[in-house]
Amino acid sequence: MSAAVLALMLSLVSAVAYASAAVAQERLASRRSGSGALRLLGSGAWWCSVALNGAGALLHVVALRYGPLTVVQPLGALTLVAAVPLGARIAGRRVSAAEWRGTACTLAGLGAILVVASGPAPDDVLSLPEALAVAGTTAALIGLLARPGARPGLRHATASGFASGVASALTQTVTVAATGGSGALPVWQAVGVALLVAAFATGGLLLSQTAYRGGLGAPLAVVTLVNPVAAAVIGLLLLGERLQAGPAGVLLALAGAGLASWGVLLLSRATPEAADDDHPVAAVLALQPETASVEPALVPRQPGRGHLTPL
């Protein structure tokens, strides 16, 4: 099995784990919108979502060892694709036609990106000064985005995307260094980069949890789009990754990115059909007081009623 195929398979399973965690986080956030972080720490469901995030992260780390950032990170859009049927199942409804169109556009765009972004297993790493520069720049951006103000959900989702994308880039450096890549770092430097990974990964998780208080669709779409952009910039500028087929490949990658982005936006804006009261899942939710007021995952609210729509 080639390194690219292995990275693809690992990324697929990772996306399913992340999607499951996102759906669980959104439902907890909407159910406990007035609760603080300490209240969540006492919730078994929240810890299950953390475990799913951890499993997705572990698979993602292994995928980064076998595939370049320009391949592995765009596959993160599959998280939203996987969240659609999961959210529909939990909400007791069918996947809408608009969601199917968004899924098709996203998958077609990702296919175009994979054609030109595929390459050998990564072998280069960020130096410690480069890693610190990337971390400092990202921390400053997150600080600006996390300030109080309008549209906190979208801003926190953007900050989460930056944090997660940078965490992935730094993770690849640690993974390649630990497995004997050509740019292997001294142990103490690798440990320092690993601490940065932990900080950004934790920050991305907490920021996404805050963002999901306004619903799952728009914030998850923003995270899904910002994450690969941040990682791809690092890969192309600092790690020597290249796109195949020269200028034509760049154009195809841009077209694929545009199509995938449109698909993600379609998924985030899609209005699903109302749940069938006879659906077994809908019936179970209706009988449980704790979940009866929870809005279906991925269902946008009407403007003017607290819904955050993409810019």
C-alpha atoms as a PDB file:
ATOM      1  CA  MET A   1       0.000   0.000   0.000  1.00  0.00           C
ATOM      2  CA  SER A   2       1.427   3.400  -1.011  1.00  0.00           C
ATOM      3  CA  ALA A   3       1.965   6.166   1.537  1.00  0.00           C
ATOM      4  CA  ALA A   4      -0.641   8.388  -0.180  1.00  0.00           C
ATOM      5  CA  VAL A   5      -3.341   5.692  -0.059  1.00  0.00           C
ATOM      6  CA  LEU A   6      -2.602   4.975   3.610  1.00  0.00           C
ATOM      7  CA  ALA A   7      -2.814   8.684   4.432  1.00  0.00           C
ATOM      8  CA  LEU A   8      -6.149   8.883   2.606  1.00  0.00           C
ATOM      9  CA  MET A   9      -7.636   5.916   4.485  1.00  0.00           C
ATOM     10  CA  LEU A  10      -6.465   7.202   7.857  1.00  0.00           C
ATOM     11  CA  SER A  11      -7.886  10.642   7.073  1.00  0.00           C
ATOM     12  CA  LEU A  12     -11.278   9.145   6.205  1.00  0.00           C
ATOM     13  CA  VAL A  13     -11.584   7.332   9.541  1.00  0.00           C
ATOM     14  CA  SER A  14     -10.271  10.397  11.369  1.00  0.00           C
ATOM     15  CA  ALA A  15     -12.962  12.557   9.721  1.00  0.00           C
ATOM     16  CA  VAL A  16     -15.712  10.217  10.947  1.00  0.00           C
ATOM     17  CA  ALA A  17     -14.375  10.425  14.516  1.00  0.00           C
ATOM     18  CA  TYR A  18     -14.141  14.221  14.373  1.00  0.00           C
ATOM     19  CA  ALA A  19     -17.665  14.474  12.903  1.00  0.00           C
ATOM     20  CA  SER A  20     -19.097  12.328  15.703  1.00  0.00           C
ATOM     21  CA  ALA A  21     -17.371  14.532  18.271  1.00  0.00           C
ATOM     22  CA  ALA A  22     -18.622  17.736  16.599  1.00  0.00           C
ATOM     23  CA  VAL A  23     -22.241  16.558  16.580  1.00  0.00           C
ATOM     24  CA  ALA A  24     -21.972  15.584  20.259  1.00  0.00           C
ATOM     25  CA  GLN A  25     -20.368  18.932  21.165  1.00  0.00           C
ATOM     26  CA  GLU A  26     -23.043  20.928  19.326  1.00  0.00           C
ATOM     27  CA  ARG A  27     -25.864  19.146  21.118  1.00  0.00           C
ATOM     28  CA  LEU A  28     -24.193  19.668  24.496  1.00  0.00           C
ATOM     29  CA  ALA A  29     -23.540  23.332  23.728  1.00  0.00           C
ATOM     30  CA  SER A  30     -27.135  24.004  22.659  1.00  0.00           C
ATOM     31  CA  ARG A  31     -28.474  22.117  25.690  1.00  0.00           C
ATOM     32  CA  ARG A  32     -26.196  23.895  28.158  1.00  0.00           C
ATOM     33  CA  SER A  33     -25.769  27.319  26.557  1.00  0.00           C
ATOM     34  CA  GLY A  34     -25.727  28.990  29.950  1.00  0.00           C
ATOM     35  CA  SER A  35     -23.253  26.608  31.557  1.00  0.00           C
ATOM     36  CA  GLY A  36     -19.587  27.227  32.030  1.00  0.00           C
ATOM     37  CA  ALA A  37     -16.651  25.021  31.156  1.00  0.00           C
ATOM     38  CA  LEU A  38     -16.533  23.535  34.654  1.00  0.00           C
ATOM     39  CA  ARG A  39     -20.100  22.237  34.245  1.00  0.00           C
ATOM     40  CA  LEU A  40     -19.052  20.407  31.079  1.00  0.00           C
ATOM     41  CA  LEU A  41     -16.225  18.680  32.933  1.00  0.00           C
ATOM     42  CA  GLY A  42     -18.842  16.792  34.902  1.00  0.00           C
ATOM     43  CA  SER A  43     -20.645  15.550  31.804  1.00  0.00           C
ATOM     44  CA  GLY A  44     -19.919  12.021  30.621  1.00  0.00           C
ATOM     45  CA  ALA A  45     -21.183  12.913  27.141  1.00  0.00           C
ATOM     46  CA  TRP A  46     -18.635  15.726  26.912  1.00  0.00           C
ATOM     47  CA  TRP A  47     -15.813  13.383  27.850  1.00  0.00           C
ATOM     48  CA  CYS A  48     -17.034  10.960  25.168  1.00  0.00           C
ATOM     49  CA  SER A  49     -16.751  13.770  22.629  1.00  0.00           C
ATOM     50  CA  VAL A  50     -13.234  14.476  23.916  1.00  0.00           C
ATOM     51  CA  ALA A  51     -12.356  10.785  23.463  1.00  0.00           C
ATOM     52  CA  LEU A  52     -13.686  10.869  19.886  1.00  0.00           C
ATOM     53  CA  ASN A  53     -11.634  13.993  19.221  1.00  0.00           C
ATOM     54  CA  GLY A  54      -8.620  12.214  20.657  1.00  0.00           C
ATOM     55  CA  ALA A  55      -9.127   9.191  18.410  1.00  0.00           C
ATOM     56  CA  GLY A  56      -9.534  11.448  15.386  1.00  0.00           C
ATOM     57  CA  ALA A  57      -6.392  13.351  16.370  1.00  0.00           C
ATOM     58  CA  LEU A  58      -4.353  10.165  16.758  1.00  0.00           C
ATOM     59  CA  LEU A  59      -5.388   8.929  13.313  1.00  0.00           C
ATOM     60  CA  HIS A  60      -4.687  12.378  11.923  1.00  0.00           C
ATOM     61  CA  VAL A  61      -1.168  12.346  13.402  1.00  0.00           C
ATOM     62  CA  VAL A  62      -0.398   9.028  11.708  1.00  0.00           C
ATOM     63  CA  ALA A  63      -1.861  10.312   8.425  1.00  0.00           C
ATOM     64  CA  LEU A  64       0.452  13.347   8.618  1.00  0.00           C
ATOM     65  CA  ARG A  65       3.423  10.999   8.747  1.00  0.00           C
ATOM     66  CA  TYR A  66       2.460   9.402   5.420  1.00  0.00           C
ATOM     67  CA  GLY A  67       0.922  12.324   3.525  1.00  0.00           C
ATOM     68  CA  PRO A  68       1.864  15.999   2.957  1.00  0.00           C
ATOM     69  CA  LEU A  69      -0.093  18.807   4.600  1.00  0.00           C
ATOM     70  CA  THR A  70      -1.520  19.870   1.223  1.00  0.00           C
ATOM     71  CA  VAL A  71      -3.212  16.438   0.991  1.00  0.00           C
ATOM     72  CA  VAL A  72      -4.126  15.536   4.556  1.00  0.00           C
ATOM     73  CA  GLN A  73      -5.528  18.887   5.712  1.00  0.00           C
ATOM     74  CA  PRO A  74      -8.057  19.436   2.872  1.00  0.00           C
ATOM     75  CA  LEU A  75      -9.441  15.975   3.686  1.00  0.00           C
ATOM     76  CA  GLY A  76     -10.615  17.526   6.925  1.00  0.00           C
ATOM     77  CA  ALA A  77     -13.609  18.775   4.905  1.00  0.00           C
ATOM     78  CA  LEU A  78     -14.829  15.194   5.076  1.00  0.00           C
ATOM     79  CA  THR A  79     -15.648  15.914   8.713  1.00  0.00           C
ATOM     80  CA  LEU A  80     -18.553  18.105   7.628  1.00  0.00           C
ATOM     81  CA  VAL A  81     -19.576  15.573   4.965  1.00  0.00           C
ATOM     82  CA  ALA A  82     -19.698  12.841   7.616  1.00  0.00           C
ATOM     83  CA  ALA A  83     -21.500  15.106  10.090  1.00  0.00           C
ATOM     84  CA  VAL A  84     -24.463  15.483   7.701  1.00  0.00           C
ATOM     85  CA  PRO A  85     -25.784  11.900   7.928  1.00  0.00           C
ATOM     86  CA  LEU A  86     -24.801  11.675  11.594  1.00  0.00           C
ATOM     87  CA  GLY A  87     -26.677  14.858  12.434  1.00  0.00           C
ATOM     88  CA  ALA A  88     -29.646  13.748  10.336  1.00  0.00           C
ATOM     89  CA  ARG A  89     -29.760  10.384  12.106  1.00  0.00           C
ATOM     90  CA  ILE A  90     -29.727  11.954  15.550  1.00  0.00           C
ATOM     91  CA  ALA A  91     -32.344  14.541  14.546  1.00  0.00           C
ATOM     92  CA  GLY A  92     -34.596  11.835  13.102  1.00  0.00           C
ATOM     93  CA  ARG A  93     -34.820  13.157   9.540  1.00  0.00           C
ATOM     94  CA  ARG A  94     -33.658  12.455   6.012  1.00  0.00           C
ATOM     95  CA  VAL A  95     -30.659  14.125   4.386  1.00  0.00           C
ATOM     96  CA  SER A  96     -32.020  16.986   2.263  1.00  0.00           C
ATOM     97  CA  ALA A  97     -31.367  17.510  -1.463  1.00  0.00           C
ATOM     98  CA  ALA A  98     -29.331  20.639  -0.684  1.00  0.00           C
ATOM     99  CA  GLU A  99     -27.117  18.629   1.648  1.00  0.00           C
ATOM    100  CA  TRP A 100     -26.572  16.011  -1.047  1.00  0.00           C
ATOM    101  CA  ARG A 101     -25.544  18.775  -3.488  1.00  0.00           C
ATOM    102  CA  GLY A 102     -23.153  20.216  -0.929  1.00  0.00           C
ATOM    103  CA  THR A 103     -21.665  16.780  -0.310  1.00  0.00           C
ATOM    104  CA  ALA A 104     -21.177  16.180  -4.050  1.00  0.00           C
ATOM    105  CA  CYS A 105     -19.458  19.561  -4.552  1.00  0.00           C
ATOM    106  CA  THR A 106     -17.200  19.019  -1.560  1.00  0.00           C
ATOM    107  CA  LEU A 107     -16.119  15.552  -2.668  1.00  0.00           C
ATOM    108  CA  ALA A 108     -15.541  16.673  -6.283  1.00  0.00           C
ATOM    109  CA  GLY A 109     -13.427  19.616  -5.111  1.00  0.00           C
ATOM    110  CA  LEU A 110     -11.383  17.412  -2.789  1.00  0.00           C
ATOM    111  CA  GLY A 111     -10.814  14.986  -5.657  1.00  0.00           C
ATOM    112  CA  ALA A 112      -9.355  17.777  -7.786  1.00  0.00           C
ATOM    113  CA  ILE A 113      -7.071  18.856  -4.937  1.00  0.00           C
ATOM    114  CA  LEU A 114      -5.837  15.290  -4.380  1.00  0.00           C
ATOM    115  CA  VAL A 115      -4.942  14.914  -8.065  1.00  0.00           C
ATOM    116  CA  VAL A 116      -2.436  17.786  -7.936  1.00  0.00           C
ATOM    117  CA  ALA A 117      -1.401  17.789  -4.266  1.00  0.00           C
ATOM    118  CA  SER A 118      -0.417  14.130  -3.899  1.00  0.00           C
ATOM    119  CA  GLY A 119       3.246  13.577  -3.246  1.00  0.00           C
ATOM    120  CA  PRO A 120       5.754  11.475  -1.328  1.00  0.00           C
ATOM    121  CA  ALA A 121       5.703  10.998   2.413  1.00  0.00           C
ATOM    122  CA  PRO A 122       6.908  14.176   4.183  1.00  0.00           C
ATOM    123  CA  ASP A 123      10.564  14.378   5.083  1.00  0.00           C
ATOM    124  CA  ASP A 124      11.165  18.021   6.046  1.00  0.00           C
ATOM    125  CA  VAL A 125      10.444  19.662   9.398  1.00  0.00           C
ATOM    126  CA  LEU A 126      10.114  23.166  10.781  1.00  0.00           C
ATOM    127  CA  SER A 127      13.148  24.433  12.632  1.00  0.00           C
ATOM    128  CA  LEU A 128      12.573  25.630  16.187  1.00  0.00           C
ATOM    129  CA  PRO A 129      12.799  29.334  15.177  1.00  0.00           C
ATOM    130  CA  GLU A 130      10.278  28.700  12.378  1.00  0.00           C
ATOM    131  CA  ALA A 131       7.961  26.854  14.752  1.00  0.00           C
ATOM    132  CA  LEU A 132       8.162  29.687  17.303  1.00  0.00           C
ATOM    133  CA  ALA A 133       7.505  32.304  14.601  1.00  0.00           C
ATOM    134  CA  VAL A 134       4.461  30.380  13.362  1.00  0.00           C
ATOM    135  CA  ALA A 135       3.211  29.894  16.932  1.00  0.00           C
ATOM    136  CA  GLY A 136       3.651  33.572  17.821  1.00  0.00           C
ATOM    137  CA  THR A 137       1.874  34.797  14.684  1.00  0.00           C
ATOM    138  CA  THR A 138      -1.004  32.366  15.227  1.00  0.00           C
ATOM    139  CA  ALA A 139      -1.346  33.272  18.909  1.00  0.00           C
ATOM    140  CA  ALA A 140      -1.616  36.957  17.957  1.00  0.00           C
ATOM    141  CA  LEU A 141      -4.337  36.176  15.379  1.00  0.00           C
ATOM    142  CA  ILE A 142      -6.254  34.070  17.891  1.00  0.00           C
ATOM    143  CA  GLY A 143      -6.038  36.863  20.446  1.00  0.00           C
ATOM    144  CA  LEU A 144      -7.552  39.324  17.961  1.00  0.00           C
ATOM    145  CA  LEU A 145     -10.320  36.925  16.955  1.00  0.00           C
ATOM    146  CA  ALA A 146     -11.206  35.952  20.529  1.00  0.00           C
ATOM    147  CA  ARG A 147     -11.856  39.535  21.691  1.00  0.00           C
ATOM    148  CA  PRO A 148     -15.421  40.404  22.763  1.00  0.00           C
ATOM    149  CA  GLY A 149     -17.574  41.721  19.931  1.00  0.00           C
ATOM    150  CA  ALA A 150     -20.072  40.830  17.240  1.00  0.00           C
ATOM    151  CA  ARG A 151     -20.345  37.333  15.695  1.00  0.00           C
ATOM    152  CA  PRO A 152     -18.369  35.542  18.434  1.00  0.00           C
ATOM    153  CA  GLY A 153     -19.279  32.122  17.015  1.00  0.00           C
ATOM    154  CA  LEU A 154     -17.726  32.750  13.617  1.00  0.00           C
ATOM    155  CA  ARG A 155     -14.691  34.501  15.073  1.00  0.00           C
ATOM    156  CA  HIS A 156     -14.087  31.699  17.563  1.00  0.00           C
ATOM    157  CA  ALA A 157     -14.538  29.168  14.755  1.00  0.00           C
ATOM    158  CA  THR A 158     -11.958  31.031  12.653  1.00  0.00           C
ATOM    159  CA  ALA A 159      -9.560  31.077  15.597  1.00  0.00           C
ATOM    160  CA  SER A 160     -10.185  27.364  16.130  1.00  0.00           C
ATOM    161  CA  GLY A 161      -9.392  26.680  12.465  1.00  0.00           C
ATOM    162  CA  PHE A 162      -6.099  28.554  12.695  1.00  0.00           C
ATOM    163  CA  ALA A 163      -5.173  26.780  15.933  1.00  0.00           C
ATOM    164  CA  SER A 164      -6.005  23.339  14.538  1.00  0.00           C
ATOM    165  CA  GLY A 165      -4.209  23.927  11.230  1.00  0.00           C
ATOM    166  CA  VAL A 166      -1.046  25.123  12.956  1.00  0.00           C
ATOM    167  CA  ALA A 167      -1.254  22.254  15.445  1.00  0.00           C
ATOM    168  CA  SER A 168      -1.307  19.826  12.507  1.00  0.00           C
ATOM    169  CA  ALA A 169       1.712  21.454  10.876  1.00  0.00           C
ATOM    170  CA  LEU A 170       3.649  21.331  14.135  1.00  0.00           C
ATOM    171  CA  THR A 171       2.498  17.751  14.702  1.00  0.00           C
ATOM    172  CA  GLN A 172       3.933  16.727  11.354  1.00  0.00           C
ATOM    173  CA  THR A 173       7.277  18.238  12.388  1.00  0.00           C
ATOM    174  CA  VAL A 174       7.293  16.238  15.638  1.00  0.00           C
ATOM    175  CA  THR A 175       6.195  13.027  13.889  1.00  0.00           C
ATOM    176  CA  VAL A 176       8.756  13.251  11.098  1.00  0.00           C
ATOM    177  CA  ALA A 177      11.506  14.178  13.565  1.00  0.00           C
ATOM    178  CA  ALA A 178      10.599  11.250  15.827  1.00  0.00           C
ATOM    179  CA  THR A 179      10.672   8.765  12.943  1.00  0.00           C
ATOM    180  CA  GLY A 180      14.045   9.833  11.581  1.00  0.00           C
ATOM    181  CA  GLY A 181      13.252  12.282   8.777  1.00  0.00           C
ATOM    182  CA  SER A 182      16.068  14.159   7.065  1.00  0.00           C
ATOM    183  CA  GLY A 183      15.338  17.248   9.162  1.00  0.00           C
ATOM    184  CA  ALA A 184      15.322  15.483  12.520  1.00  0.00           C
ATOM    185  CA  LEU A 185      15.354  17.859  15.491  1.00  0.00           C
ATOM    186  CA  PRO A 186      17.304  17.503  18.732  1.00  0.00           C
ATOM    187  CA  VAL A 187      15.183  15.908  21.428  1.00  0.00           C
ATOM    188  CA  TRP A 188      14.765  19.083  23.478  1.00  0.00           C
ATOM    189  CA  GLN A 189      13.593  21.026  20.432  1.00  0.00           C
ATOM    190  CA  ALA A 190      11.133  18.286  19.478  1.00  0.00           C
ATOM    191  CA  VAL A 191       9.741  18.387  23.032  1.00  0.00           C
ATOM    192  CA  GLY A 192       9.328  22.153  22.769  1.00  0.00           C
ATOM    193  CA  VAL A 193       7.390  21.818  19.500  1.00  0.00           C
ATOM    194  CA  ALA A 194       5.273  19.040  21.059  1.00  0.00           C
ATOM    195  CA  LEU A 195       4.272  21.425  23.874  1.00  0.00           C
ATOM    196  CA  LEU A 196       3.196  23.958  21.260  1.00  0.00           C
ATOM    197  CA  VAL A 197       1.118  21.231  19.606  1.00  0.00           C
ATOM    198  CA  ALA A 198      -0.635  20.486  22.897  1.00  0.00           C
ATOM    199  CA  ALA A 199      -1.345  24.176  23.500  1.00  0.00           C
ATOM    200  CA  PHE A 200      -2.814  24.828  20.048  1.00  0.00           C
ATOM    201  CA  ALA A 201      -4.766  21.566  19.949  1.00  0.00           C
ATOM    202  CA  THR A 202      -6.343  22.298  23.331  1.00  0.00           C
ATOM    203  CA  GLY A 203      -7.062  25.888  22.349  1.00  0.00           C
ATOM    204  CA  GLY A 204      -8.680  24.759  19.101  1.00  0.00           C
ATOM    205  CA  LEU A 205     -10.916  22.303  20.962  1.00  0.00           C
ATOM    206  CA  LEU A 206     -12.102  24.886  23.502  1.00  0.00           C
ATOM    207  CA  LEU A 207     -12.643  27.546  20.846  1.00  0.00           C
ATOM    208  CA  SER A 208     -14.726  25.173  18.731  1.00  0.00           C
ATOM    209  CA  GLN A 209     -16.830  24.229  21.766  1.00  0.00           C
ATOM    210  CA  THR A 210     -17.580  27.921  22.307  1.00  0.00           C
ATOM    211  CA  ALA A 211     -18.330  28.471  18.621  1.00  0.00           C
ATOM    212  CA  TYR A 212     -20.872  25.623  18.515  1.00  0.00           C
ATOM    213  CA  ARG A 213     -23.152  27.470  20.956  1.00  0.00           C
ATOM    214  CA  GLY A 214     -24.578  29.249  17.899  1.00  0.00           C
ATOM    215  CA  GLY A 215     -25.273  25.976  16.062  1.00  0.00           C
ATOM    216  CA  LEU A 216     -23.104  23.441  14.270  1.00  0.00           C
ATOM    217  CA  GLY A 217     -23.365  24.281  10.557  1.00  0.00           C
ATOM    218  CA  ALA A 218     -21.754  27.713  10.116  1.00  0.00           C
ATOM    219  CA  PRO A 219     -18.993  27.358  12.762  1.00  0.00           C
ATOM    220  CA  LEU A 220     -18.013  23.881  11.550  1.00  0.00           C
ATOM    221  CA  ALA A 221     -17.932  25.183   7.968  1.00  0.00           C
ATOM    222  CA  VAL A 222     -15.575  27.989   8.983  1.00  0.00           C
ATOM    223  CA  VAL A 223     -13.295  25.620  10.926  1.00  0.00           C
ATOM    224  CA  THR A 224     -13.309  23.223   7.967  1.00  0.00           C
ATOM    225  CA  LEU A 225     -12.228  25.950   5.530  1.00  0.00           C
ATOM    226  CA  VAL A 226      -9.684  27.807   7.686  1.00  0.00           C
ATOM    227  CA  ASN A 227      -7.878  24.713   8.981  1.00  0.00           C
ATOM    228  CA  PRO A 228      -6.461  23.452   5.625  1.00  0.00           C
ATOM    229  CA  VAL A 229      -5.665  26.995   4.465  1.00  0.00           C
ATOM    230  CA  ALA A 230      -3.464  27.614   7.513  1.00  0.00           C
ATOM    231  CA  ALA A 231      -1.723  24.249   7.186  1.00  0.00           C
ATOM    232  CA  ALA A 232      -1.266  24.497   3.402  1.00  0.00           C
ATOM    233  CA  VAL A 233       0.367  27.920   3.698  1.00  0.00           C
ATOM    234  CA  ILE A 234       2.900  26.475   6.142  1.00  0.00           C
ATOM    235  CA  GLY A 235       3.479  23.415   3.955  1.00  0.00           C
ATOM    236  CA  LEU A 236       4.005  25.400   0.748  1.00  0.00           C
ATOM    237  CA  LEU A 237       6.067  28.236   2.254  1.00  0.00           C
ATOM    238  CA  LEU A 238       8.137  26.490   4.912  1.00  0.00           C
ATOM    239  CA  LEU A 239       8.176  22.742   4.225  1.00  0.00           C
ATOM    240  CA  GLY A 240       8.912  22.741   0.506  1.00  0.00           C
ATOM    241  CA  GLU A 241       5.666  21.029  -0.541  1.00  0.00           C
ATOM    242  CA  ARG A 242       4.705  21.506  -4.181  1.00  0.00           C
ATOM    243  CA  LEU A 243       1.654  21.027  -6.386  1.00  0.00           C
ATOM    244  CA  GLN A 244       1.864  18.707  -9.399  1.00  0.00           C
ATOM    245  CA  ALA A 245       1.618  19.792 -13.074  1.00  0.00           C
ATOM    246  CA  GLY A 246       2.985  23.308 -12.659  1.00  0.00           C
ATOM    247  CA  PRO A 247       0.700  26.301 -13.365  1.00  0.00           C
ATOM    248  CA  ALA A 248      -2.093  24.015 -14.647  1.00  0.00           C
ATOM    249  CA  GLY A 249      -1.949  22.100 -11.387  1.00  0.00           C
ATOM    250  CA  VAL A 250      -2.208  25.329  -9.399  1.00  0.00           C
ATOM    251  CA  LEU A 251      -5.296  26.337 -11.389  1.00  0.00           C
ATOM    252  CA  LEU A 252      -6.874  22.909 -10.871  1.00  0.00           C
ATOM    253  CA  ALA A 253      -6.124  23.046  -7.140  1.00  0.00           C
ATOM    254  CA  LEU A 254      -7.670  26.515  -6.874  1.00  0.00           C
ATOM    255  CA  ALA A 255     -10.747  25.355  -8.794  1.00  0.00           C
ATOM    256  CA  GLY A 256     -11.027  22.304  -6.539  1.00  0.00           C
ATOM    257  CA  ALA A 257     -10.629  24.456  -3.434  1.00  0.00           C
ATOM    258  CA  GLY A 258     -13.334  26.797  -4.672  1.00  0.00           C
ATOM    259  CA  LEU A 259     -15.712  23.932  -5.450  1.00  0.00           C
ATOM    260  CA  ALA A 260     -15.053  22.266  -2.098  1.00  0.00           C
ATOM    261  CA  SER A 261     -15.576  25.585  -0.305  1.00  0.00           C
ATOM    262  CA  TRP A 262     -18.884  26.092  -2.093  1.00  0.00           C
ATOM    263  CA  GLY A 263     -19.930  22.593  -1.099  1.00  0.00           C
ATOM    264  CA  VAL A 264     -19.037  23.264   2.533  1.00  0.00           C
ATOM    265  CA  LEU A 265     -21.081  26.475   2.492  1.00  0.00           C
ATOM    266  CA  LEU A 266     -24.026  24.635   0.932  1.00  0.00           C
ATOM    267  CA  LEU A 267     -23.829  22.081   3.727  1.00  0.00           C
ATOM    268  CA  SER A 268     -23.711  24.757   6.408  1.00  0.00           C
ATOM    269  CA  ARG A 269     -26.675  26.680   4.942  1.00  0.00           C
ATOM    270  CA  ALA A 270     -28.861  23.734   3.990  1.00  0.00           C
ATOM    271  CA  THR A 271     -32.276  23.648   5.634  1.00  0.00           C
ATOM    272  CA  PRO A 272     -33.150  19.994   6.286  1.00  0.00           C
ATOM    273  CA  GLU A 273     -36.633  18.622   6.011  1.00  0.00           C
ATOM    274  CA  ALA A 274     -38.569  18.510   9.247  1.00  0.00           C
ATOM    275  CA  ALA A 275     -38.162  15.322  11.208  1.00  0.00           C
ATOM    276  CA  ASP A 276     -40.893  12.735  10.791  1.00  0.00           C
ATOM    277  CA  ASP A 277     -42.730  12.296  14.080  1.00  0.00           C
ATOM    278  CA  ASP A 278     -42.982   8.578  13.322  1.00  0.00           C
ATOM    279  CA  HIS A 279     -39.221   8.215  12.980  1.00  0.00           C
ATOM    280  CA  PRO A 280     -37.942   6.106  15.874  1.00  0.00           C
ATOM    281  CA  VAL A 281     -35.152   8.509  16.764  1.00  0.00           C
ATOM    282  CA  ALA A 282     -37.533  11.494  16.687  1.00  0.00           C
ATOM    283  CA  ALA A 283     -39.959   9.604  18.907  1.00  0.00           C
ATOM    284  CA  VAL A 284     -37.236   8.839  21.432  1.00  0.00           C
ATOM    285  CA  LEU A 285     -36.112  12.488  21.521  1.00  0.00           C
ATOM    286  CA  ALA A 286     -39.704  13.650  21.971  1.00  0.00           C
ATOM    287  CA  LEU A 287     -40.109  11.427  25.016  1.00  0.00           C
ATOM    288  CA  GLN A 288     -36.945  12.636  26.737  1.00  0.00           C
ATOM    289  CA  PRO A 289     -37.330  16.015  28.521  1.00  0.00           C
ATOM    290  CA  GLU A 290     -33.579  16.598  28.568  1.00  0.00           C
ATOM    291  CA  THR A 291     -33.313  16.509  24.782  1.00  0.00           C
ATOM    292  CA  ALA A 292     -36.775  17.638  23.718  1.00  0.00           C
ATOM    293  CA  SER A 293     -35.697  21.262  23.346  1.00  0.00           C
ATOM    294  CA  VAL A 294     -32.434  20.499  21.552  1.00  0.00           C
ATOM    295  CA  GLU A 295     -32.432  21.770  17.985  1.00  0.00           C
ATOM    296  CA  PRO A 296     -31.519  19.241  15.278  1.00  0.00           C
ATOM    297  CA  ALA A 297     -27.832  19.312  14.405  1.00  0.00           C
ATOM    298  CA  LEU A 298     -26.984  21.199  11.201  1.00  0.00           C
ATOM    299  CA  VAL A 299     -30.391  22.999  11.105  1.00  0.00           C
ATOM    300  CA  PRO A 300     -29.842  26.756  10.603  1.00  0.00           C
ATOM    301  CA  ARG A 301     -32.055  29.062  12.619  1.00  0.00           C
ATOM    302  CA  GLN A 302     -33.930  31.921  10.977  1.00  0.00           C
ATOM    303  CA  PRO A 303     -32.103  35.286  10.685  1.00  0.00           C
ATOM    304  CA  GLY A 304     -32.719  37.570  13.619  1.00  0.00           C
ATOM    305  CA  ARG A 305     -33.099  34.685  16.054  1.00  0.00           C
ATOM    306  CA  GLY A 306     -29.504  34.188  17.069  1.00  0.00           C
ATOM    307  CA  HIS A 307     -28.285  32.273  13.993  1.00  0.00           C
ATOM    308  CA  LEU A 308     -24.762  33.022  12.819  1.00  0.00           C
ATOM    309  CA  THR A 309     -24.449  32.861   9.039  1.00  0.00           C
ATOM    310  CA  PRO A 310     -21.149  32.684   7.162  1.00  0.00           C
ATOM    311  CA  LEU A 311     -19.637  35.982   6.036  1.00  0.00           C
END
